[in-house]
PDB file of all heavy atoms in Angstrom:
ATOM      1  N   ILE A   1       0.844  -1.188   0.000  1.00  0.00           N
ATOM      2  CA  ILE A   1       0.000   0.000   0.000  1.00  0.00           C
ATOM      3  C   ILE A   1       0.882   1.241   0.000  1.00  0.00           C
ATOM      4  O   ILE A   1       1.876   1.316   0.720  1.00  0.00           O
ATOM      5  CB  ILE A   1      -0.965  -0.004   1.209  1.00  0.00           C
ATOM      6  CG1 ILE A   1      -1.932   1.184   1.132  1.00  0.00           C
ATOM      7  CG2 ILE A   1      -0.200  -0.018   2.527  1.00  0.00           C
ATOM      8  CD1 ILE A   1      -3.082   1.088   2.128  1.00  0.00           C
ATOM      9  N   THR A   2       0.528   2.229  -0.821  1.00  0.00           N
ATOM     10  CA  THR A   2       1.255   3.492  -0.858  1.00  0.00           C
ATOM     11  C   THR A   2       0.670   4.446   0.163  1.00  0.00           C
ATOM     12  O   THR A   2      -0.385   4.197   0.749  1.00  0.00           O
ATOM     13  CB  THR A   2       1.183   4.134  -2.248  1.00  0.00           C
ATOM     14  OG1 THR A   2      -0.157   4.578  -2.495  1.00  0.00           O
ATOM     15  CG2 THR A   2       1.600   3.153  -3.331  1.00  0.00           C
ATOM     16  N   SER A   3       1.354   5.578   0.375  1.00  0.00           N
ATOM     17  CA  SER A   3       0.852   6.577   1.309  1.00  0.00           C
ATOM     18  C   SER A   3      -0.480   7.149   0.846  1.00  0.00           C
ATOM     19  O   SER A   3      -1.260   7.635   1.665  1.00  0.00           O
ATOM     20  CB  SER A   3       1.871   7.701   1.481  1.00  0.00           C
ATOM     21  OG  SER A   3       2.110   8.371   0.260  1.00  0.00           O
ATOM     22  N   GLY A   4      -0.736   7.096  -0.464  1.00  0.00           N
ATOM     23  CA  GLY A   4      -1.988   7.582  -1.015  1.00  0.00           C
ATOM     24  C   GLY A   4      -3.115   6.570  -0.989  1.00  0.00           C
ATOM     25  O   GLY A   4      -4.234   6.880  -1.414  1.00  0.00           O
ATOM     26  N   GLY A   5      -2.825   5.360  -0.521  1.00  0.00           N
ATOM     27  CA  GLY A   5      -3.858   4.352  -0.381  1.00  0.00           C
ATOM     28  C   GLY A   5      -4.006   3.391  -1.548  1.00  0.00           C
ATOM     29  O   GLY A   5      -4.931   2.573  -1.554  1.00  0.00           O
ATOM     30  N   TYR A   6      -3.127   3.463  -2.531  1.00  0.00           N
ATOM     31  CA  TYR A   6      -3.172   2.509  -3.636  1.00  0.00           C
ATOM     32  C   TYR A   6      -2.647   1.166  -3.175  1.00  0.00           C
ATOM     33  O   TYR A   6      -1.609   1.085  -2.521  1.00  0.00           O
ATOM     34  CB  TYR A   6      -2.363   3.016  -4.826  1.00  0.00           C
ATOM     35  CG  TYR A   6      -2.970   4.229  -5.464  1.00  0.00           C
ATOM     36  CD1 TYR A   6      -2.528   5.505  -5.132  1.00  0.00           C
ATOM     37  CD2 TYR A   6      -3.994   4.104  -6.408  1.00  0.00           C
ATOM     38  CE1 TYR A   6      -3.096   6.626  -5.711  1.00  0.00           C
ATOM     39  CE2 TYR A   6      -4.564   5.225  -6.991  1.00  0.00           C
ATOM     40  CZ  TYR A   6      -4.107   6.481  -6.640  1.00  0.00           C
ATOM     41  OH  TYR A   6      -4.678   7.593  -7.222  1.00  0.00           O
ATOM     42  N   THR A   7      -3.353   0.111  -3.515  1.00  0.00           N
ATOM     43  CA  THR A   7      -3.021  -1.221  -3.023  1.00  0.00           C
ATOM     44  C   THR A   7      -2.716  -2.193  -4.139  1.00  0.00           C
ATOM     45  O   THR A   7      -3.148  -2.028  -5.279  1.00  0.00           O
ATOM     46  CB  THR A   7      -4.166  -1.792  -2.175  1.00  0.00           C
ATOM     47  OG1 THR A   7      -5.362  -1.851  -2.966  1.00  0.00           O
ATOM     48  CG2 THR A   7      -4.415  -0.916  -0.954  1.00  0.00           C
ATOM     49  N   ASN A   8      -1.960  -3.220  -3.786  1.00  0.00           N
ATOM     50  CA  ASN A   8      -1.629  -4.301  -4.693  1.00  0.00           C
ATOM     51  C   ASN A   8      -1.646  -5.597  -3.905  1.00  0.00           C
ATOM     52  O   ASN A   8      -1.125  -5.650  -2.795  1.00  0.00           O
ATOM     53  CB  ASN A   8      -0.252  -4.063  -5.323  1.00  0.00           C
ATOM     54  CG  ASN A   8       0.179  -5.191  -6.227  1.00  0.00           C
ATOM     55  OD1 ASN A   8       1.057  -5.975  -5.882  1.00  0.00           O
ATOM     56  ND2 ASN A   8      -0.433  -5.274  -7.394  1.00  0.00           N
ATOM     57  N   TYR A   9      -2.242  -6.645  -4.476  1.00  0.00           N
ATOM     58  CA  TYR A   9      -2.367  -7.919  -3.788  1.00  0.00           C
ATOM     59  C   TYR A   9      -1.862  -9.068  -4.637  1.00  0.00           C
ATOM     60  O   TYR A   9      -1.981  -9.057  -5.859  1.00  0.00           O
ATOM     61  CB  TYR A   9      -3.824  -8.209  -3.441  1.00  0.00           C
ATOM     62  CG  TYR A   9      -4.452  -7.231  -2.485  1.00  0.00           C
ATOM     63  CD1 TYR A   9      -5.138  -6.121  -2.949  1.00  0.00           C
ATOM     64  CD2 TYR A   9      -4.362  -7.428  -1.105  1.00  0.00           C
ATOM     65  CE1 TYR A   9      -5.719  -5.223  -2.072  1.00  0.00           C
ATOM     66  CE2 TYR A   9      -4.941  -6.535  -0.224  1.00  0.00           C
ATOM     67  CZ  TYR A   9      -5.621  -5.434  -0.710  1.00  0.00           C
ATOM     68  OH  TYR A   9      -6.206  -4.548   0.164  1.00  0.00           O
ATOM     69  N   ALA A  10      -1.319 -10.061  -3.962  1.00  0.00           N
ATOM     70  CA  ALA A  10      -1.011 -11.304  -4.634  1.00  0.00           C
ATOM     71  C   ALA A  10      -2.317 -11.956  -5.079  1.00  0.00           C
ATOM     72  O   ALA A  10      -3.340 -11.845  -4.398  1.00  0.00           O
ATOM     73  CB  ALA A  10      -0.245 -12.244  -3.703  1.00  0.00           C
ATOM     74  N   ASP A  11      -2.289 -12.631  -6.215  1.00  0.00           N
ATOM     75  CA  ASP A  11      -3.497 -13.266  -6.722  1.00  0.00           C
ATOM     76  C   ASP A  11      -4.097 -14.256  -5.721  1.00  0.00           C
ATOM     77  O   ASP A  11      -5.316 -14.410  -5.647  1.00  0.00           O
ATOM     78  CB  ASP A  11      -3.204 -13.987  -8.032  1.00  0.00           C
ATOM     79  CG  ASP A  11      -2.959 -13.030  -9.183  1.00  0.00           C
ATOM     80  OD1 ASP A  11      -3.365 -11.854  -9.090  1.00  0.00           O
ATOM     81  OD2 ASP A  11      -2.361 -13.461 -10.192  1.00  0.00           O
ATOM     82  N   SER A  12      -3.247 -14.898  -4.945  1.00  0.00           N
ATOM     83  CA  SER A  12      -3.693 -15.921  -4.020  1.00  0.00           C
ATOM     84  C   SER A  12      -4.516 -15.378  -2.853  1.00  0.00           C
ATOM     85  O   SER A  12      -5.237 -16.137  -2.204  1.00  0.00           O
ATOM     86  CB  SER A  12      -2.498 -16.704  -3.472  1.00  0.00           C
ATOM     87  OG  SER A  12      -1.603 -15.842  -2.797  1.00  0.00           O
ATOM     88  N   VAL A  13      -4.414 -14.075  -2.575  1.00  0.00           N
ATOM     89  CA  VAL A  13      -5.137 -13.493  -1.446  1.00  0.00           C
ATOM     90  C   VAL A  13      -6.168 -12.462  -1.872  1.00  0.00           C
ATOM     91  O   VAL A  13      -6.930 -11.964  -1.032  1.00  0.00           O
ATOM     92  CB  VAL A  13      -4.176 -12.855  -0.419  1.00  0.00           C
ATOM     93  CG1 VAL A  13      -3.107 -13.851  -0.006  1.00  0.00           C
ATOM     94  CG2 VAL A  13      -3.546 -11.582  -0.979  1.00  0.00           C
ATOM     95  N   LYS A  14      -6.215 -12.144  -3.141  1.00  0.00           N
ATOM     96  CA  LYS A  14      -7.125 -11.128  -3.649  1.00  0.00           C
ATOM     97  C   LYS A  14      -8.577 -11.494  -3.327  1.00  0.00           C
ATOM     98  O   LYS A  14      -9.014 -12.621  -3.564  1.00  0.00           O
ATOM     99  CB  LYS A  14      -6.925 -10.976  -5.157  1.00  0.00           C
ATOM    100  CG  LYS A  14      -7.305  -9.621  -5.718  1.00  0.00           C
ATOM    101  CD  LYS A  14      -6.786  -9.459  -7.155  1.00  0.00           C
ATOM    102  CE  LYS A  14      -5.282  -9.444  -7.213  1.00  0.00           C
ATOM    103  NZ  LYS A  14      -4.765  -9.214  -8.597  1.00  0.00           N
ATOM    104  N   GLY A  15      -9.298 -10.540  -2.781  1.00  0.00           N
ATOM    105  CA  GLY A  15     -10.682 -10.768  -2.407  1.00  0.00           C
ATOM    106  C   GLY A  15     -10.867 -11.299  -1.001  1.00  0.00           C
ATOM    107  O   GLY A  15     -11.995 -11.319  -0.497  1.00  0.00           O
ATOM    108  N   ARG A  16      -9.777 -11.724  -0.355  1.00  0.00           N
ATOM    109  CA  ARG A  16      -9.841 -12.254   1.005  1.00  0.00           C
ATOM    110  C   ARG A  16      -9.111 -11.380   2.010  1.00  0.00           C
ATOM    111  O   ARG A  16      -9.541 -11.261   3.153  1.00  0.00           O
ATOM    112  CB  ARG A  16      -9.260 -13.669   1.060  1.00  0.00           C
ATOM    113  CG  ARG A  16      -9.984 -14.672   0.186  1.00  0.00           C
ATOM    114  CD  ARG A  16      -9.476 -16.090   0.426  1.00  0.00           C
ATOM    115  NE  ARG A  16      -8.064 -16.225   0.076  1.00  0.00           N
ATOM    116  CZ  ARG A  16      -7.104 -16.577   0.928  1.00  0.00           C
ATOM    117  NH1 ARG A  16      -7.419 -16.840   2.201  1.00  0.00           N
ATOM    118  NH2 ARG A  16      -5.849 -16.683   0.525  1.00  0.00           N
ATOM    119  N   PHE A  17      -8.001 -10.781   1.588  1.00  0.00           N
ATOM    120  CA  PHE A  17      -7.188  -9.946   2.464  1.00  0.00           C
ATOM    121  C   PHE A  17      -7.361  -8.477   2.100  1.00  0.00           C
ATOM    122  O   PHE A  17      -7.554  -8.129   0.928  1.00  0.00           O
ATOM    123  CB  PHE A  17      -5.701 -10.292   2.338  1.00  0.00           C
ATOM    124  CG  PHE A  17      -5.309 -11.641   2.864  1.00  0.00           C
ATOM    125  CD1 PHE A  17      -6.256 -12.577   3.251  1.00  0.00           C
ATOM    126  CD2 PHE A  17      -3.968 -11.969   2.959  1.00  0.00           C
ATOM    127  CE1 PHE A  17      -5.884 -13.822   3.730  1.00  0.00           C
ATOM    128  CE2 PHE A  17      -3.578 -13.208   3.438  1.00  0.00           C
ATOM    129  CZ  PHE A  17      -4.532 -14.136   3.822  1.00  0.00           C
ATOM    130  N   THR A  18      -7.255  -7.611   3.099  1.00  0.00           N
ATOM    131  CA  THR A  18      -7.320  -6.180   2.884  1.00  0.00           C
ATOM    132  C   THR A  18      -6.205  -5.493   3.657  1.00  0.00           C
ATOM    133  O   THR A  18      -6.095  -5.665   4.868  1.00  0.00           O
ATOM    134  CB  THR A  18      -8.668  -5.596   3.332  1.00  0.00           C
ATOM    135  OG1 THR A  18      -9.736  -6.238   2.626  1.00  0.00           O
ATOM    136  CG2 THR A  18      -8.724  -4.099   3.040  1.00  0.00           C
ATOM    137  N   ILE A  19      -5.385  -4.715   2.953  1.00  0.00           N
ATOM    138  CA  ILE A  19      -4.321  -3.962   3.595  1.00  0.00           C
ATOM    139  C   ILE A  19      -4.774  -2.517   3.786  1.00  0.00           C
ATOM    140  O   ILE A  19      -5.478  -1.962   2.943  1.00  0.00           O
ATOM    141  CB  ILE A  19      -3.013  -4.031   2.774  1.00  0.00           C
ATOM    142  CG1 ILE A  19      -1.852  -3.411   3.549  1.00  0.00           C
ATOM    143  CG2 ILE A  19      -3.180  -3.370   1.410  1.00  0.00           C
ATOM    144  CD1 ILE A  19      -0.490  -3.644   2.886  1.00  0.00           C
ATOM    145  N   SER A  20      -4.377  -1.918   4.897  1.00  0.00           N
ATOM    146  CA  SER A  20      -4.713  -0.529   5.178  1.00  0.00           C
ATOM    147  C   SER A  20      -3.585   0.102   5.977  1.00  0.00           C
ATOM    148  O   SER A  20      -2.719  -0.597   6.507  1.00  0.00           O
ATOM    149  CB  SER A  20      -6.040  -0.428   5.941  1.00  0.00           C
ATOM    150  OG  SER A  20      -5.964  -1.103   7.182  1.00  0.00           O
ATOM    151  N   ARG A  21      -3.590   1.433   6.064  1.00  0.00           N
ATOM    152  CA  ARG A  21      -2.543   2.115   6.824  1.00  0.00           C
ATOM    153  C   ARG A  21      -3.070   3.390   7.449  1.00  0.00           C
ATOM    154  O   ARG A  21      -4.052   3.980   6.993  1.00  0.00           O
ATOM    155  CB  ARG A  21      -1.338   2.426   5.934  1.00  0.00           C
ATOM    156  CG  ARG A  21      -1.577   3.482   4.859  1.00  0.00           C
ATOM    157  CD  ARG A  21      -0.368   3.604   3.938  1.00  0.00           C
ATOM    158  NE  ARG A  21       0.808   4.105   4.634  1.00  0.00           N
ATOM    159  CZ  ARG A  21       2.049   4.054   4.148  1.00  0.00           C
ATOM    160  NH1 ARG A  21       2.275   3.492   2.968  1.00  0.00           N
ATOM    161  NH2 ARG A  21       3.063   4.551   4.846  1.00  0.00           N
ATOM    162  N   ASP A  22      -2.391   3.799   8.503  1.00  0.00           N
ATOM    163  CA  ASP A  22      -2.629   5.064   9.159  1.00  0.00           C
ATOM    164  C   ASP A  22      -1.317   5.826   9.063  1.00  0.00           C
ATOM    165  O   ASP A  22      -0.363   5.525   9.780  1.00  0.00           O
ATOM    166  CB  ASP A  22      -3.047   4.858  10.620  1.00  0.00           C
ATOM    167  CG  ASP A  22      -3.428   6.156  11.308  1.00  0.00           C
ATOM    168  OD1 ASP A  22      -2.842   7.204  11.000  1.00  0.00           O
ATOM    169  OD2 ASP A  22      -4.323   6.116  12.178  1.00  0.00           O
ATOM    170  N   ASN A  23      -1.259   6.818   8.180  1.00  0.00           N
ATOM    171  CA  ASN A  23      -0.013   7.528   7.924  1.00  0.00           C
ATOM    172  C   ASN A  23       0.476   8.344   9.121  1.00  0.00           C
ATOM    173  O   ASN A  23       1.680   8.530   9.293  1.00  0.00           O
ATOM    174  CB  ASN A  23      -0.171   8.447   6.709  1.00  0.00           C
ATOM    175  CG  ASN A  23      -0.297   7.675   5.415  1.00  0.00           C
ATOM    176  OD1 ASN A  23       0.204   6.564   5.289  1.00  0.00           O
ATOM    177  ND2 ASN A  23      -0.973   8.277   4.432  1.00  0.00           N
ATOM    178  N   PHE A  24      -0.439   8.836   9.928  1.00  0.00           N
ATOM    179  CA  PHE A  24      -0.050   9.634  11.084  1.00  0.00           C
ATOM    180  C   PHE A  24       0.509   8.774  12.204  1.00  0.00           C
ATOM    181  O   PHE A  24       1.366   9.228  12.963  1.00  0.00           O
ATOM    182  CB  PHE A  24      -1.228  10.463  11.591  1.00  0.00           C
ATOM    183  CG  PHE A  24      -1.627  11.563  10.657  1.00  0.00           C
ATOM    184  CD1 PHE A  24      -2.678  11.403   9.780  1.00  0.00           C
ATOM    185  CD2 PHE A  24      -0.931  12.756  10.646  1.00  0.00           C
ATOM    186  CE1 PHE A  24      -3.045  12.411   8.908  1.00  0.00           C
ATOM    187  CE2 PHE A  24      -1.284  13.777   9.782  1.00  0.00           C
ATOM    188  CZ  PHE A  24      -2.346  13.601   8.905  1.00  0.00           C
ATOM    189  N   LYS A  25       0.046   7.547  12.308  1.00  0.00           N
ATOM    190  CA  LYS A  25       0.523   6.634  13.345  1.00  0.00           C
ATOM    191  C   LYS A  25       1.634   5.716  12.852  1.00  0.00           C
ATOM    192  O   LYS A  25       2.192   4.956  13.634  1.00  0.00           O
ATOM    193  CB  LYS A  25      -0.626   5.801  13.896  1.00  0.00           C
ATOM    194  CG  LYS A  25      -1.683   6.610  14.620  1.00  0.00           C
ATOM    195  CD  LYS A  25      -2.774   5.704  15.173  1.00  0.00           C
ATOM    196  CE  LYS A  25      -3.806   6.505  15.944  1.00  0.00           C
ATOM    197  NZ  LYS A  25      -4.880   5.636  16.482  1.00  0.00           N
ATOM    198  N   ASN A  26       1.932   5.783  11.553  1.00  0.00           N
ATOM    199  CA  ASN A  26       2.947   4.913  10.957  1.00  0.00           C
ATOM    200  C   ASN A  26       2.634   3.441  11.210  1.00  0.00           C
ATOM    201  O   ASN A  26       3.503   2.664  11.616  1.00  0.00           O
ATOM    202  CB  ASN A  26       4.346   5.247  11.477  1.00  0.00           C
ATOM    203  CG  ASN A  26       4.883   6.541  10.912  1.00  0.00           C
ATOM    204  OD1 ASN A  26       4.441   7.012   9.863  1.00  0.00           O
ATOM    205  ND2 ASN A  26       5.854   7.127  11.595  1.00  0.00           N
ATOM    206  N   THR A  27       1.397   3.073  10.975  1.00  0.00           N
ATOM    207  CA  THR A  27       0.995   1.688  11.144  1.00  0.00           C
ATOM    208  C   THR A  27       0.375   1.160   9.859  1.00  0.00           C
ATOM    209  O   THR A  27      -0.205   1.906   9.077  1.00  0.00           O
ATOM    210  CB  THR A  27      -0.014   1.517  12.289  1.00  0.00           C
ATOM    211  OG1 THR A  27      -1.183   2.299  12.020  1.00  0.00           O
ATOM    212  CG2 THR A  27       0.588   1.942  13.612  1.00  0.00           C
ATOM    213  N   VAL A  28       0.499  -0.128   9.658  1.00  0.00           N
ATOM    214  CA  VAL A  28      -0.128  -0.799   8.534  1.00  0.00           C
ATOM    215  C   VAL A  28      -0.760  -2.086   9.051  1.00  0.00           C
ATOM    216  O   VAL A  28      -0.192  -2.760   9.912  1.00  0.00           O
ATOM    217  CB  VAL A  28       0.888  -1.087   7.402  1.00  0.00           C
ATOM    218  CG1 VAL A  28       2.010  -1.999   7.885  1.00  0.00           C
ATOM    219  CG2 VAL A  28       0.189  -1.680   6.187  1.00  0.00           C
ATOM    220  N   SER A  29      -1.943  -2.403   8.546  1.00  0.00           N
ATOM    221  CA  SER A  29      -2.674  -3.575   9.004  1.00  0.00           C
ATOM    222  C   SER A  29      -3.018  -4.479   7.841  1.00  0.00           C
ATOM    223  O   SER A  29      -3.064  -4.050   6.687  1.00  0.00           O
ATOM    224  CB  SER A  29      -3.958  -3.163   9.726  1.00  0.00           C
ATOM    225  OG  SER A  29      -3.683  -2.382  10.867  1.00  0.00           O
ATOM    226  N   LEU A  30      -3.256  -5.729   8.164  1.00  0.00           N
ATOM    227  CA  LEU A  30      -3.687  -6.703   7.167  1.00  0.00           C
ATOM    228  C   LEU A  30      -4.853  -7.488   7.743  1.00  0.00           C
ATOM    229  O   LEU A  30      -4.670  -8.285   8.666  1.00  0.00           O
ATOM    230  CB  LEU A  30      -2.546  -7.654   6.790  1.00  0.00           C
ATOM    231  CG  LEU A  30      -2.857  -8.650   5.677  1.00  0.00           C
ATOM    232  CD1 LEU A  30      -2.999  -7.923   4.341  1.00  0.00           C
ATOM    233  CD2 LEU A  30      -1.771  -9.719   5.582  1.00  0.00           C
TER     234      LEU A  30
END
C-alpha cells in the first residue's frame, strides 16, 4: 500500500485480504 492508499495484492489473497494504513501513526494492518 502506498501513502496515497493505492493497493496491490497477490493473486492468491485477492478478495480475502485487505491492507490498510494510518499515515499519522505509521501503522499498517492486514
